């Protein structure tokens, strides 16, 4: 029976039919850290088994964190597309921004439903690549 894996509405082919569903999930965690606490929902349609990894609401790894800022000219909070896996990483990134942006007058850290796309390591942002799973 063919298998496919679904994360955030995106379908990925089976990277290795010899791996268990849990092993595939762990492999995908390096691209989607939020899968660490995700539940697995299995559906069978014809000859295909679909495994959807769903985030558990309210658990660590269930979303991402973003930095929002205001300058003297801003009335509303603004942010870029950077989404980090942990609040701690977002705080470090906010401190880095504050040390470089003289126009910044206020910052805050908020949760986001967006997928994680960066990590903050050793004082630098590192892009997390979009997974390409080979069959």
Protein backbone atom coordinates (compact mmCIF):
# COMPACT_ATOMS: atom_id res chain seq x y z
CA UNK A 1 0.00 0.00 0.00
CA UNK A 2 1.35 3.46 -0.93
CA UNK A 3 1.94 6.02 1.83
CA UNK A 4 1.93 9.80 1.89
CA UNK A 5 2.63 12.27 4.67
CA UNK A 6 0.81 15.55 5.27
CA UNK A 7 2.24 18.52 7.20
CA UNK A 8 0.48 21.91 7.31
CA UNK A 9 -1.70 20.96 4.35
CA UNK A 10 1.27 19.97 2.18
CA UNK A 11 1.56 16.39 0.97
CA UNK A 12 4.93 14.65 0.80
CA UNK A 13 5.67 11.28 -0.80
CA UNK A 14 6.98 8.41 1.28
CA UNK A 15 10.74 8.95 1.67
CA UNK A 16 11.41 5.32 2.59
CA UNK A 17 8.76 2.56 2.70
CA UNK A 18 11.04 0.56 5.01
CA UNK A 19 10.79 3.18 7.78
CA UNK A 20 7.95 3.19 10.27
CA UNK A 21 5.56 6.15 10.36
CA UNK A 22 7.21 7.31 13.62
CA UNK A 23 10.67 7.13 12.01
CA UNK A 24 9.46 9.26 9.06
CA UNK A 25 7.94 11.76 11.52
CA UNK A 26 11.25 12.01 13.41
CA UNK A 27 13.11 12.48 10.13
CA UNK A 28 10.73 15.32 9.14
CA UNK A 29 11.19 17.03 12.54
CA UNK A 30 14.49 18.47 11.35
CA UNK A 31 12.48 20.46 8.78
CA UNK A 32 9.35 20.94 10.89
CA UNK A 33 10.33 21.25 14.59
CA UNK A 34 6.66 21.58 15.53
CA UNK A 35 6.23 17.86 14.74
CA UNK A 36 8.00 16.96 17.99
CA UNK A 37 4.64 16.95 19.80
CA UNK A 38 2.33 16.38 16.84
CA UNK A 39 -0.28 13.69 16.76
CA UNK A 40 -0.56 11.31 13.81
CA UNK A 41 -3.89 10.86 12.05
CA UNK A 42 -4.13 7.92 9.64
CA UNK A 43 -6.59 7.80 6.74
CA UNK A 44 -6.93 5.12 4.07
CA UNK A 45 -8.24 5.99 0.63
CA UNK A 46 -8.19 3.21 -1.94
CA UNK A 47 -4.62 1.94 -2.13
CA UNK A 48 -3.09 4.91 -0.26
CA UNK A 49 -2.49 5.42 3.44
CA UNK A 50 -2.25 9.09 4.39
CA UNK A 51 -0.57 10.11 7.62
CA UNK A 52 -1.27 13.66 8.72
CA UNK A 53 0.92 15.14 11.42
CA UNK A 54 -1.23 17.64 13.34
CA UNK A 55 0.08 20.13 15.85
CA UNK A 56 -1.26 19.76 19.34
CA UNK A 57 -2.66 23.06 20.56
CA UNK A 58 -1.01 24.39 23.68
CA UNK A 59 2.11 22.23 23.56
CA UNK A 60 5.67 23.32 23.08
CA UNK A 61 6.45 23.21 19.38
CA UNK A 62 2.84 23.87 18.39
CA UNK A 63 3.64 26.99 16.39
CA UNK A 64 6.31 29.61 16.03
CA UNK A 65 7.39 32.91 17.54
CA UNK A 66 7.84 36.27 15.83
CA UNK A 67 9.44 39.56 16.79
CA UNK A 68 7.33 42.67 16.32
CA UNK A 69 8.77 46.15 16.50
CA UNK A 70 7.84 49.82 16.51
CA UNK A 71 9.95 52.78 15.52
CA UNK A 72 9.14 56.40 16.37
CA UNK A 73 7.37 56.59 13.00
CA UNK A 74 5.22 53.46 13.46
CA UNK A 75 1.70 53.54 14.87
CA UNK A 76 1.20 49.79 14.51
CA UNK A 77 3.39 46.80 15.25
CA UNK A 78 5.40 45.57 12.26
CA UNK A 79 7.21 42.31 11.65
CA UNK A 80 9.03 40.46 8.91
CA UNK A 81 8.51 36.86 7.77
CA UNK A 82 10.97 35.36 10.23
CA UNK A 83 9.38 32.68 12.41
CA UNK A 84 11.42 31.00 15.13
CA UNK A 85 10.87 27.70 16.95
CA UNK A 86 11.21 28.95 20.52
CA UNK A 87 10.44 32.05 22.50
CA UNK A 88 14.05 32.07 23.69
CA UNK A 89 15.32 32.31 20.10
CA UNK A 90 12.86 35.15 19.41
CA UNK A 91 14.07 37.05 22.48
CA UNK A 92 17.71 36.68 21.37
CA UNK A 93 16.79 37.85 17.87
CA UNK A 94 14.89 40.85 19.30
CA UNK A 95 17.93 41.81 21.39
CA UNK A 96 20.10 41.55 18.29
CA UNK A 97 17.72 43.83 16.36
CA UNK A 98 17.66 46.34 19.22
CA UNK A 99 21.47 46.46 19.27
CA UNK A 100 21.62 47.28 15.55
CA UNK A 101 18.52 49.41 14.88
CA UNK A 102 18.81 52.84 16.41
CA UNK A 103 15.27 53.75 15.30
CA UNK A 104 13.68 50.89 17.25
CA UNK A 105 11.72 52.19 20.25
CA UNK A 106 9.71 49.13 21.29
CA UNK A 107 9.64 45.39 20.61
CA UNK A 108 7.57 42.41 21.65
CA UNK A 109 7.51 38.65 21.08
CA UNK A 110 4.26 37.01 19.97
CA UNK A 111 3.15 33.53 19.04
CA UNK A 112 2.37 32.78 15.41
CA UNK A 113 0.49 29.97 13.68
CA UNK A 114 2.99 30.17 10.81
CA UNK A 115 5.48 27.33 10.37
CA UNK A 116 9.02 27.77 11.66
CA UNK A 117 11.32 28.99 8.89
CA UNK A 118 14.43 30.16 10.80
CA UNK A 119 16.52 29.27 13.78
CA UNK A 120 18.73 31.68 15.73
CA UNK A 121 22.10 30.07 16.48
CA UNK A 122 25.32 31.62 17.77
CA UNK A 123 24.03 35.15 17.16
CA UNK A 124 22.93 34.48 13.58
CA UNK A 125 19.69 33.71 11.77
CA UNK A 126 19.82 30.42 9.87
CA UNK A 127 17.18 29.65 7.26
CA UNK A 128 15.46 26.27 7.60
CA UNK A 129 15.17 24.74 4.12
CA UNK A 130 11.85 23.52 2.78
CA UNK A 131 11.96 19.73 2.83
CA UNK A 132 12.23 17.77 -0.37
CA UNK A 133 11.53 14.16 0.42
CA UNK A 134 12.72 11.67 -2.18
CA UNK A 135 10.88 8.47 -2.94
